[in-house]
Amino acid sequence: MSEQNYLSLVQLAKALNKKAQKLEKGKLGFEEVNEMLENSRDIYERLTVIRYKALLEKQELVEELNQENKTESKQIDVVEESSFSFQFDTEDDESLVISTNQKNLLDEINEIGSEPQEDEVIENTEVIVEEASSLNESYASSKQPESLGDKLKKTKITDLKEAIALNQKFLFINELFEGDKTKYQSVLDRINSCETLIEAKAYLSSEIETYSSWDEETEAVMQFNTLIERKFL
C-alpha cells in the first residue's frame, strides 16, 4: 500500500475538528483517539519549528540592520573629521562663534536613526511574515518521520468484522449503508473472501449502488477504505 498522503496544517485542524465533534457525541473510537493525539502532536511540533525559525530569521535581520547603522555612523565620523578644517585668525574670532541653539549634524542623524520609520517597520514585518510562510512550505514539503498512527494503519487485518470497533460499525451502517445492517454484513463477508484489494474495490463498484456517491473526504469513507487497504497488506 502507498504511504498516507502528508496532511497540511489546515487539513490536520479540520481532522481534529471532526474528531472533536464526534468525541462530544461519544462516538469516537480508540483508534480515532490515537489519530487525534497524533494530529495534535504534529500541529504542535510544526508550529514550534516554524516559530523558532521565524524568530531566528528576525534576530539575524535585526543584527544586520544594527550593523549597517554602526557602519553609517562610523562613516559620518570620518567625514566630519576629514572634511572640516579651520584656520583661525585673531581678527575673525567673532565669525567663529556658533549659536548654542544650532544642532550638530551627527546628533540629528542619530535622532532620525533611533526611531524606525513607519514604512520601514511595515516592510520589515512583511519580510518576516513571507520568510515564515516560506519556512512553513519548506517544512511541509519535507518527508516527515512515520508516526504511531501511520504504523497502526499499516498493520494487516485478517477479519474486517473483528477489526471494526462498535462505534465504527454504527457509523458505517448509518452513513455508508443507509441503515441496512444486513447489507453491511454481506459486504464485509464478501470483502473478507476477496484475494486482492483490486478485487475488493471492483466488487464495491459493481455491487454497491451508493458506492459511487460516497464522499472520499468524509470520516466514515476514509476509515472504511483504510480498513479495506489494511486487509490486503
Protein backbone atom coordinates (compact mmCIF):
# COMPACT_ATOMS: atom_id res chain seq x y z
CA MET A 1 0.00 0.00 0.00
CA SER A 2 1.29 3.51 -0.75
CA GLU A 3 2.22 5.82 2.11
CA GLN A 4 -0.52 8.01 3.53
CA ASN A 5 -0.55 11.45 1.93
CA TYR A 6 1.05 14.19 4.02
CA LEU A 7 -1.53 16.44 5.70
CA SER A 8 -1.11 20.22 5.83
CA LEU A 9 -1.79 22.24 8.98
CA VAL A 10 -5.23 23.19 7.62
CA GLN A 11 -6.10 19.56 6.92
CA LEU A 12 -4.88 18.49 10.37
CA ALA A 13 -7.01 21.20 12.00
CA LYS A 14 -10.08 20.06 10.05
CA ALA A 15 -9.49 16.44 11.02
CA LEU A 16 -9.15 17.42 14.68
CA ASN A 17 -12.37 19.44 14.49
CA LYS A 18 -14.30 16.48 13.05
CA LYS A 19 -12.98 14.12 15.71
CA ALA A 20 -13.72 16.66 18.47
CA GLN A 21 -17.34 16.83 17.33
CA LYS A 22 -17.59 13.04 17.39
CA LEU A 23 -15.95 12.98 20.82
CA GLU A 24 -18.63 15.30 22.20
CA LYS A 25 -21.27 12.90 20.88
CA GLY A 26 -19.50 9.90 22.45
CA LYS A 27 -18.82 8.32 19.04
CA LEU A 28 -15.01 8.44 19.00
CA GLY A 29 -13.26 5.06 18.89
CA PHE A 30 -9.92 4.12 20.41
CA GLU A 31 -8.11 4.21 17.07
CA GLU A 32 -9.55 7.65 16.32
CA VAL A 33 -8.36 8.90 19.72
CA ASN A 34 -4.86 7.79 18.76
CA GLU A 35 -5.18 9.59 15.43
CA MET A 36 -6.41 12.72 17.18
CA LEU A 37 -3.43 12.60 19.54
CA GLU A 38 -1.01 12.20 16.62
CA ASN A 39 -2.61 15.08 14.72
CA SER A 40 -2.34 17.33 17.78
CA ARG A 41 1.31 16.39 18.25
CA ASP A 42 2.06 17.06 14.58
CA ILE A 43 0.48 20.53 14.76
CA TYR A 44 2.40 21.40 17.95
CA GLU A 45 5.76 20.21 16.58
CA ARG A 46 5.34 22.05 13.27
CA LEU A 47 4.31 25.34 14.89
CA THR A 48 7.24 25.08 17.32
CA VAL A 49 9.72 24.69 14.45
CA ILE A 50 8.09 27.50 12.44
CA ARG A 51 8.16 29.89 15.40
CA TYR A 52 11.80 29.08 16.19
CA LYS A 53 12.97 29.59 12.61
CA ALA A 54 10.95 32.79 12.23
CA LEU A 55 12.46 34.24 15.43
CA LEU A 56 15.93 33.19 14.30
CA GLU A 57 15.49 34.90 10.93
CA LYS A 58 14.11 38.00 12.64
CA GLN A 59 17.09 38.17 15.00
CA GLU A 60 19.53 37.91 12.09
CA LEU A 61 17.68 40.71 10.27
CA VAL A 62 17.82 42.99 13.32
CA GLU A 63 21.54 42.31 13.78
CA GLU A 64 22.18 43.12 10.13
CA LEU A 65 20.29 46.45 10.41
CA ASN A 66 22.21 47.34 13.58
CA GLN A 67 25.49 46.56 11.86
CA GLU A 68 24.54 48.82 8.92
CA ASN A 69 23.67 51.64 11.34
CA LYS A 70 27.04 51.27 13.07
CA THR A 71 28.85 51.38 9.74
CA GLU A 72 26.98 54.53 8.66
CA SER A 73 27.76 56.18 12.00
CA LYS A 74 31.49 55.45 11.61
CA GLN A 75 31.48 56.84 8.07
CA ILE A 76 29.85 60.06 9.29
CA ASP A 77 32.51 60.43 12.00
CA VAL A 78 35.26 60.06 9.39
CA VAL A 79 33.64 62.65 7.14
CA GLU A 80 33.32 65.15 9.99
CA GLU A 81 36.96 64.75 10.98
CA SER A 82 38.38 64.94 7.46
CA SER A 83 36.09 67.40 5.71
CA PHE A 84 36.20 70.37 8.07
CA SER A 85 39.35 72.26 8.96
CA PHE A 86 39.57 75.84 10.10
CA GLN A 87 42.37 78.41 10.07
CA PHE A 88 41.83 80.81 12.91
CA ASP A 89 42.69 84.42 12.63
CA THR A 90 42.56 86.63 15.70
CA GLU A 91 40.87 89.32 13.71
CA ASP A 92 37.96 86.98 12.76
CA ASP A 93 37.18 85.42 16.15
CA GLU A 94 33.65 86.79 16.13
CA SER A 95 32.83 84.97 12.87
CA LEU A 96 33.62 81.62 14.51
CA VAL A 97 31.04 81.92 17.28
CA ILE A 98 28.39 79.19 16.81
CA SER A 99 24.87 79.61 18.18
CA THR A 100 24.05 77.33 21.15
CA ASN A 101 20.67 76.57 19.53
CA GLN A 102 22.25 75.06 16.40
CA LYS A 103 22.17 71.23 16.35
CA ASN A 104 25.16 69.13 15.43
CA LEU A 105 24.67 67.21 12.16
CA LEU A 106 25.57 63.90 13.81
CA ASP A 107 23.01 64.48 16.59
CA GLU A 108 20.25 65.00 14.01
CA ILE A 109 21.27 61.85 12.14
CA ASN A 110 21.30 59.82 15.37
CA GLU A 111 17.84 61.12 16.30
CA ILE A 112 16.48 60.08 12.91
CA GLY A 113 18.20 56.68 13.06
CA SER A 114 16.96 55.96 16.61
CA GLU A 115 13.28 55.98 15.57
CA PRO A 116 12.33 53.50 12.83
CA GLN A 117 10.08 54.98 10.18
CA GLU A 118 6.57 53.55 9.77
CA ASP A 119 7.28 52.35 6.21
CA GLU A 120 10.43 50.59 7.37
CA VAL A 121 8.59 48.78 10.20
CA ILE A 122 5.84 47.64 7.81
CA GLU A 123 8.38 46.47 5.24
CA ASN A 124 10.40 44.52 7.84
CA THR A 125 7.22 42.90 9.18
CA GLU A 126 6.18 41.82 5.67
CA VAL A 127 9.64 40.30 5.09
CA ILE A 128 9.42 38.29 8.33
CA VAL A 129 5.91 37.03 7.51
CA GLU A 130 6.98 35.99 4.00
CA GLU A 131 10.04 34.17 5.36
CA ALA A 132 7.93 32.38 7.98
CA SER A 133 5.47 31.30 5.27
CA SER A 134 8.37 30.08 3.12
CA LEU A 135 9.75 28.10 6.06
CA ASN A 136 6.33 26.54 6.62
CA GLU A 137 6.07 25.46 2.97
CA SER A 138 9.62 24.08 3.05
CA TYR A 139 8.86 22.16 6.25
CA ALA A 140 5.62 20.81 4.83
CA SER A 141 7.31 19.61 1.63
CA SER A 142 9.96 17.61 3.52
CA LYS A 143 9.30 13.98 4.37
CA GLN A 144 8.09 13.58 7.95
CA PRO A 145 9.02 10.65 10.21
CA GLU A 146 6.39 7.95 10.38
CA SER A 147 4.07 8.46 13.35
CA LEU A 148 2.47 5.83 15.58
CA GLY A 149 -0.86 6.38 13.82
CA ASP A 150 0.77 5.69 10.44
CA LYS A 151 2.31 2.48 11.77
CA LEU A 152 -1.03 1.30 13.17
CA LYS A 153 -2.69 1.91 9.81
CA LYS A 154 -0.12 -0.39 8.18
CA THR A 155 -1.00 -3.31 10.46
CA LYS A 156 -2.58 -6.14 8.49
CA ILE A 157 -6.19 -7.10 9.25
CA THR A 158 -7.29 -10.73 9.00
CA ASP A 159 -11.03 -10.27 9.51
CA LEU A 160 -12.77 -6.95 8.90
CA LYS A 161 -15.62 -7.76 11.30
CA GLU A 162 -13.22 -8.33 14.18
CA ALA A 163 -11.16 -5.22 13.39
CA ILE A 164 -14.12 -2.81 13.24
CA ALA A 165 -14.96 -1.21 16.59
CA LEU A 166 -18.55 -0.96 17.78
CA ASN A 167 -18.82 2.79 17.21
CA GLN A 168 -17.29 2.35 13.73
CA LYS A 169 -19.86 -0.32 12.95
CA PHE A 170 -22.75 2.03 13.74
CA LEU A 171 -21.02 4.82 11.79
CA PHE A 172 -20.62 2.65 8.66
CA ILE A 173 -24.16 1.24 8.80
CA ASN A 174 -25.77 4.66 9.20
CA GLU A 175 -23.62 6.74 6.84
CA LEU A 176 -22.48 4.24 4.18
CA PHE A 177 -25.22 1.60 4.07
CA GLU A 178 -28.28 3.78 4.77
CA GLY A 179 -29.04 1.92 7.99
CA ASP A 180 -29.15 -1.53 6.30
CA LYS A 181 -27.34 -3.84 8.75
CA THR A 182 -27.88 -6.91 6.56
CA LYS A 183 -26.24 -5.22 3.57
CA TYR A 184 -23.34 -4.14 5.78
CA GLN A 185 -22.74 -7.70 6.99
CA SER A 186 -22.99 -9.08 3.44
CA VAL A 187 -20.44 -6.59 2.11
CA LEU A 188 -17.92 -7.38 4.85
CA ASP A 189 -18.28 -11.13 4.23
CA ARG A 190 -17.69 -10.64 0.51
CA ILE A 191 -14.65 -8.40 1.02
CA ASN A 192 -13.19 -10.88 3.51
CA SER A 193 -13.37 -13.52 0.79
CA CYS A 194 -11.57 -11.37 -1.82
CA GLU A 195 -7.98 -12.21 -2.70
CA THR A 196 -6.72 -8.72 -3.62
CA LEU A 197 -7.50 -5.08 -3.00
CA ILE A 198 -8.34 -4.64 -6.69
CA GLU A 199 -10.93 -7.41 -6.46
CA ALA A 200 -12.47 -5.82 -3.36
CA LYS A 201 -12.66 -2.36 -4.99
CA ALA A 202 -14.19 -3.86 -8.11
CA TYR A 203 -16.81 -5.62 -6.01
CA LEU A 204 -17.73 -2.39 -4.23
CA SER A 205 -18.06 -0.53 -7.53
CA SER A 206 -20.26 -3.17 -9.13
CA GLU A 207 -22.39 -4.39 -6.21
CA ILE A 208 -22.99 -1.31 -4.07
CA GLU A 209 -25.24 1.21 -5.78
CA THR A 210 -24.34 4.04 -3.41
CA TYR A 211 -20.57 3.43 -3.59
CA SER A 212 -20.05 5.95 -6.40
CA SER A 213 -21.76 8.65 -4.33
CA TRP A 214 -19.53 8.17 -1.27
CA ASP A 215 -17.60 11.33 -0.43
CA GLU A 216 -13.95 10.30 -0.16
CA GLU A 217 -13.22 13.16 2.27
CA THR A 218 -15.80 12.14 4.91
CA GLU A 219 -14.58 10.43 8.06
CA ALA A 220 -16.69 7.31 7.51
CA VAL A 221 -15.40 6.70 3.96
CA MET A 222 -11.77 7.34 4.94
CA GLN A 223 -11.98 4.90 7.85
CA PHE A 224 -13.74 2.24 5.79
CA ASN A 225 -11.19 2.49 2.94
CA THR A 226 -8.29 2.37 5.39
CA LEU A 227 -9.61 -0.84 6.92
CA ILE A 228 -10.05 -2.44 3.49
CA GLU A 229 -6.50 -1.49 2.50
CA ARG A 230 -5.13 -2.96 5.74
CA LYS A 231 -6.99 -6.20 4.93
CA PHE A 232 -4.84 -6.67 1.80
CA LEU A 233 -1.42 -5.53 3.03
